[in-house]
């Protein structure tokens, strides 16, 4: 899974599609935050 995400990141930067890369990066950050919030709610 990590390799798949890394390949997407490399291809977006290589093709010069910075706008799509920023959307991808924001989406990845949102997924991490949601995962942390779920882990905290399970912990409580």
N, C-alpha and C. Protein backbone atom coordinates (compact mmCIF):
# COMPACT_ATOMS: atom_id res chain seq x y z
N UNK A 1 0.83 -1.20 0.00
CA UNK A 1 0.00 0.00 0.00
C UNK A 1 0.87 1.26 0.00
N UNK A 2 1.92 1.23 0.80
CA UNK A 2 2.81 2.39 0.86
C UNK A 2 3.49 2.59 -0.49
N UNK A 3 3.92 1.50 -1.11
CA UNK A 3 4.56 1.62 -2.43
C UNK A 3 3.60 2.17 -3.47
N UNK A 4 2.33 1.77 -3.38
CA UNK A 4 1.32 2.27 -4.31
C UNK A 4 1.15 3.78 -4.16
N UNK A 5 1.06 4.26 -2.93
CA UNK A 5 0.92 5.70 -2.69
C UNK A 5 2.18 6.45 -3.12
N UNK A 6 3.33 5.84 -2.90
CA UNK A 6 4.59 6.47 -3.29
C UNK A 6 4.68 6.60 -4.81
N UNK A 7 4.21 5.58 -5.53
CA UNK A 7 4.22 5.64 -7.00
C UNK A 7 3.29 6.72 -7.51
N UNK A 8 2.12 6.89 -6.89
CA UNK A 8 1.21 7.96 -7.30
C UNK A 8 1.87 9.31 -7.10
N UNK A 9 2.52 9.49 -5.96
CA UNK A 9 3.18 10.75 -5.65
C UNK A 9 4.27 11.06 -6.67
N UNK A 10 5.08 10.05 -7.00
CA UNK A 10 6.18 10.26 -7.96
C UNK A 10 5.66 10.61 -9.34
N UNK A 11 4.60 9.91 -9.79
CA UNK A 11 4.10 10.18 -11.13
C UNK A 11 3.45 11.56 -11.21
N UNK A 12 2.76 11.98 -10.17
CA UNK A 12 2.14 13.30 -10.21
C UNK A 12 3.19 14.40 -10.23
N UNK A 13 4.25 14.23 -9.48
CA UNK A 13 5.30 15.25 -9.48
C UNK A 13 6.09 15.23 -10.78
N UNK A 14 6.30 14.04 -11.33
CA UNK A 14 7.08 13.93 -12.58
C UNK A 14 6.34 14.57 -13.75
N UNK A 15 5.01 14.41 -13.77
CA UNK A 15 4.22 14.95 -14.87
C UNK A 15 3.97 16.45 -14.73
N UNK A 16 4.37 17.04 -13.61
CA UNK A 16 4.19 18.46 -13.41
C UNK A 16 2.78 18.84 -13.02
N UNK A 17 2.04 17.90 -12.48
CA UNK A 17 0.65 18.17 -12.08
C UNK A 17 0.63 18.53 -10.60
N UNK A 18 1.13 19.72 -10.28
CA UNK A 18 1.25 20.10 -8.88
C UNK A 18 -0.12 20.32 -8.23
N UNK A 19 -1.09 20.79 -9.00
CA UNK A 19 -2.42 21.02 -8.44
C UNK A 19 -3.04 19.71 -7.97
N UNK A 20 -2.95 18.69 -8.81
CA UNK A 20 -3.47 17.37 -8.43
C UNK A 20 -2.66 16.78 -7.29
N UNK A 21 -1.35 17.07 -7.24
CA UNK A 21 -0.53 16.55 -6.16
C UNK A 21 -0.95 17.15 -4.83
N UNK A 22 -1.25 18.44 -4.81
CA UNK A 22 -1.68 19.07 -3.56
C UNK A 22 -3.01 18.50 -3.10
N UNK A 23 -3.92 18.24 -4.02
CA UNK A 23 -5.19 17.61 -3.66
C UNK A 23 -4.95 16.22 -3.08
N UNK A 24 -4.04 15.48 -3.68
CA UNK A 24 -3.69 14.15 -3.19
C UNK A 24 -3.08 14.24 -1.79
N UNK A 25 -2.19 15.20 -1.59
CA UNK A 25 -1.53 15.34 -0.29
C UNK A 25 -2.54 15.70 0.80
N UNK A 26 -3.47 16.59 0.50
CA UNK A 26 -4.49 16.96 1.47
C UNK A 26 -5.37 15.75 1.79
N UNK A 27 -5.72 14.98 0.80
CA UNK A 27 -6.52 13.78 1.02
C UNK A 27 -5.79 12.77 1.89
N UNK A 28 -4.49 12.62 1.69
CA UNK A 28 -3.72 11.70 2.50
C UNK A 28 -3.66 12.17 3.96
N UNK A 29 -3.51 13.47 4.17
CA UNK A 29 -3.48 14.02 5.52
C UNK A 29 -4.83 13.80 6.20
N UNK A 30 -5.91 14.00 5.48
CA UNK A 30 -7.25 13.79 6.04
C UNK A 30 -7.43 12.33 6.45
N UNK A 31 -6.96 11.40 5.63
CA UNK A 31 -7.06 9.98 5.99
C UNK A 31 -6.28 9.66 7.26
N UNK A 32 -5.11 10.25 7.43
CA UNK A 32 -4.33 10.02 8.64
C UNK A 32 -5.04 10.58 9.85
N UNK A 33 -5.61 11.77 9.74
CA UNK A 33 -6.32 12.38 10.86
C UNK A 33 -7.54 11.54 11.24
N UNK A 34 -8.28 11.06 10.26
CA UNK A 34 -9.44 10.21 10.54
C UNK A 34 -9.00 8.93 11.24
N UNK A 35 -7.90 8.35 10.82
CA UNK A 35 -7.37 7.15 11.47
C UNK A 35 -7.00 7.40 12.91
N UNK A 36 -6.38 8.55 13.18
CA UNK A 36 -6.01 8.89 14.56
C UNK A 36 -7.26 9.09 15.41
N UNK A 37 -8.25 9.78 14.87
CA UNK A 37 -9.48 10.01 15.63
C UNK A 37 -10.21 8.69 15.93
N UNK A 38 -10.22 7.78 14.99
CA UNK A 38 -10.84 6.47 15.24
C UNK A 38 -10.08 5.72 16.31
N UNK A 39 -8.75 5.76 16.27
CA UNK A 39 -7.95 5.07 17.27
C UNK A 39 -8.19 5.67 18.65
N UNK A 40 -8.32 6.97 18.74
CA UNK A 40 -8.57 7.60 20.04
C UNK A 40 -9.96 7.25 20.56
N UNK A 41 -10.93 7.18 19.69
CA UNK A 41 -12.29 6.84 20.14
C UNK A 41 -12.36 5.38 20.58
N UNK A 42 -11.62 4.49 19.94
CA UNK A 42 -11.59 3.09 20.37
C UNK A 42 -10.87 2.96 21.71
N UNK A 43 -9.83 3.78 21.90
CA UNK A 43 -9.07 3.73 23.14
C UNK A 43 -9.92 4.12 24.33
N UNK A 44 -10.83 5.08 24.13
CA UNK A 44 -11.69 5.51 25.24
C UNK A 44 -12.81 4.52 25.36
